[in-house]
Amino acid sequence: MCLAIPAKIIKIENRTAISDMMGNEVRADISVMPDVKVGDYILIHAGFAIQRIDERDAQETLTLFQQMFEKQETNAAPNL
């Protein structure tokens, strides 16, 4: 199973998109997607931009990830 996480492109340098992924700066190779631009949302997998997605879908997916992380933290065993 593969997992691709949405990120918003904040800068492009040559064939690399610098993106914001849930508050983290992530670099992705955009060689196979040369038409992306700053402000676009992309799915990143294994260091490559694999698909452009619209902002609404990206935000919905990011909200689901955030809910999963919050639930995981709530259910985590206490550190001893």
C-alpha atoms as a PDB file:
ATOM      1  CA  MET A   1       0.000   0.000   0.000  1.00  0.00           C
ATOM      2  CA  CYS A   2       1.239   3.490  -0.851  1.00  0.00           C
ATOM      3  CA  LEU A   3       0.609   6.681   1.023  1.00  0.00           C
ATOM      4  CA  ALA A   4       0.772  10.068  -0.675  1.00  0.00           C
ATOM      5  CA  ILE A   5       0.282  13.181   1.403  1.00  0.00           C
ATOM      6  CA  PRO A   6      -0.945  16.540   0.057  1.00  0.00           C
ATOM      7  CA  ALA A   7       1.426  19.491   0.167  1.00  0.00           C
ATOM      8  CA  LYS A   8       1.170  23.080  -1.053  1.00  0.00           C
ATOM      9  CA  ILE A   9       3.990  24.302  -3.278  1.00  0.00           C
ATOM     10  CA  ILE A  10       5.577  27.402  -1.773  1.00  0.00           C
ATOM     11  CA  LYS A  11       8.621  27.683  -4.053  1.00  0.00           C
ATOM     12  CA  ILE A  12      10.065  26.015  -7.144  1.00  0.00           C
ATOM     13  CA  GLU A  13      13.798  25.645  -7.777  1.00  0.00           C
ATOM     14  CA  ASN A  14      14.668  23.983 -11.093  1.00  0.00           C
ATOM     15  CA  ARG A  15      12.912  20.590 -10.938  1.00  0.00           C
ATOM     16  CA  THR A  16      12.273  20.686  -7.195  1.00  0.00           C
ATOM     17  CA  ALA A  17       9.140  21.934  -5.452  1.00  0.00           C
ATOM     18  CA  ILE A  18       9.588  23.175  -1.911  1.00  0.00           C
ATOM     19  CA  SER A  19       6.257  22.452  -0.286  1.00  0.00           C
ATOM     20  CA  ASP A  20       4.427  22.926   2.981  1.00  0.00           C
ATOM     21  CA  MET A  21       3.214  19.565   4.259  1.00  0.00           C
ATOM     22  CA  MET A  22       1.305  20.002   7.504  1.00  0.00           C
ATOM     23  CA  GLY A  23       3.733  22.703   8.673  1.00  0.00           C
ATOM     24  CA  ASN A  24       6.864  20.893   7.514  1.00  0.00           C
ATOM     25  CA  GLU A  25       9.007  21.938   4.569  1.00  0.00           C
ATOM     26  CA  VAL A  26       9.296  19.056   2.105  1.00  0.00           C
ATOM     27  CA  ARG A  27      11.139  18.882  -1.196  1.00  0.00           C
ATOM     28  CA  ALA A  28       9.699  16.922  -4.097  1.00  0.00           C
ATOM     29  CA  ASP A  29      11.018  16.188  -7.558  1.00  0.00           C
ATOM     30  CA  ILE A  30       8.608  17.602 -10.150  1.00  0.00           C
ATOM     31  CA  SER A  31      10.313  16.210 -13.260  1.00  0.00           C
ATOM     32  CA  VAL A  32       7.198  14.289 -14.266  1.00  0.00           C
ATOM     33  CA  MET A  33       4.929  17.289 -13.559  1.00  0.00           C
ATOM     34  CA  PRO A  34       6.695  20.300 -15.105  1.00  0.00           C
ATOM     35  CA  ASP A  35       3.454  22.327 -15.351  1.00  0.00           C
ATOM     36  CA  VAL A  36       2.886  22.709 -11.572  1.00  0.00           C
ATOM     37  CA  LYS A  37       3.241  26.173 -10.078  1.00  0.00           C
ATOM     38  CA  VAL A  38       3.543  27.911  -6.726  1.00  0.00           C
ATOM     39  CA  GLY A  39       0.247  27.633  -4.855  1.00  0.00           C
ATOM     40  CA  ASP A  40      -0.695  24.265  -6.357  1.00  0.00           C
ATOM     41  CA  TYR A  41      -1.430  21.312  -4.119  1.00  0.00           C
ATOM     42  CA  ILE A  42       0.363  18.113  -5.034  1.00  0.00           C
ATOM     43  CA  LEU A  43       0.500  14.575  -3.753  1.00  0.00           C
ATOM     44  CA  ILE A  44       4.019  13.518  -2.804  1.00  0.00           C
ATOM     45  CA  HIS A  45       5.168   9.918  -2.645  1.00  0.00           C
ATOM     46  CA  ALA A  46       8.756   8.759  -2.118  1.00  0.00           C
ATOM     47  CA  GLY A  47      10.110  12.232  -2.853  1.00  0.00           C
ATOM     48  CA  PHE A  48       8.219  12.743  -6.111  1.00  0.00           C
ATOM     49  CA  ALA A  49       5.184  14.854  -6.952  1.00  0.00           C
ATOM     50  CA  ILE A  50       2.826  12.312  -8.473  1.00  0.00           C
ATOM     51  CA  GLN A  51      -0.418  14.239  -8.921  1.00  0.00           C
ATOM     52  CA  ARG A  52      -1.922  17.710  -8.633  1.00  0.00           C
ATOM     53  CA  ILE A  53      -5.114  17.947  -6.570  1.00  0.00           C
ATOM     54  CA  ASP A  54      -7.534  20.769  -5.927  1.00  0.00           C
ATOM     55  CA  GLU A  55      -7.364  22.742  -2.705  1.00  0.00           C
ATOM     56  CA  ARG A  56     -10.675  21.445  -1.344  1.00  0.00           C
ATOM     57  CA  ASP A  57      -9.618  17.800  -1.672  1.00  0.00           C
ATOM     58  CA  ALA A  58      -6.199  18.597  -0.202  1.00  0.00           C
ATOM     59  CA  GLN A  59      -7.721  20.342   2.824  1.00  0.00           C
ATOM     60  CA  GLU A  60     -10.211  17.528   3.377  1.00  0.00           C
ATOM     61  CA  THR A  61      -7.411  14.950   3.302  1.00  0.00           C
ATOM     62  CA  LEU A  62      -5.193  17.007   5.620  1.00  0.00           C
ATOM     63  CA  THR A  63      -8.086  17.369   8.081  1.00  0.00           C
ATOM     64  CA  LEU A  64      -8.520  13.583   8.115  1.00  0.00           C
ATOM     65  CA  PHE A  65      -4.796  13.097   8.759  1.00  0.00           C
ATOM     66  CA  GLN A  66      -4.942  15.616  11.614  1.00  0.00           C
ATOM     67  CA  GLN A  67      -7.915  13.812  13.172  1.00  0.00           C
ATOM     68  CA  MET A  68      -6.054  10.490  12.940  1.00  0.00           C
ATOM     69  CA  PHE A  69      -2.967  11.979  14.618  1.00  0.00           C
ATOM     70  CA  GLU A  70      -5.069  13.491  17.409  1.00  0.00           C
ATOM     71  CA  LYS A  71      -6.862  10.198  18.012  1.00  0.00           C
ATOM     72  CA  GLN A  72      -3.564   8.329  18.062  1.00  0.00           C
ATOM     73  CA  GLU A  73      -2.143  10.755  20.637  1.00  0.00           C
ATOM     74  CA  THR A  74      -5.267  10.378  22.792  1.00  0.00           C
ATOM     75  CA  ASN A  75      -5.031   6.584  22.704  1.00  0.00           C
ATOM     76  CA  ALA A  76      -1.262   6.394  23.207  1.00  0.00           C
ATOM     77  CA  ALA A  77      -0.012   4.614  26.295  1.00  0.00           C
ATOM     78  CA  PRO A  78       1.625   6.928  28.848  1.00  0.00           C
ATOM     79  CA  ASN A  79       5.407   7.046  28.926  1.00  0.00           C
ATOM     80  CA  LEU A  80       6.830   5.353  32.008  1.00  0.00           C
END
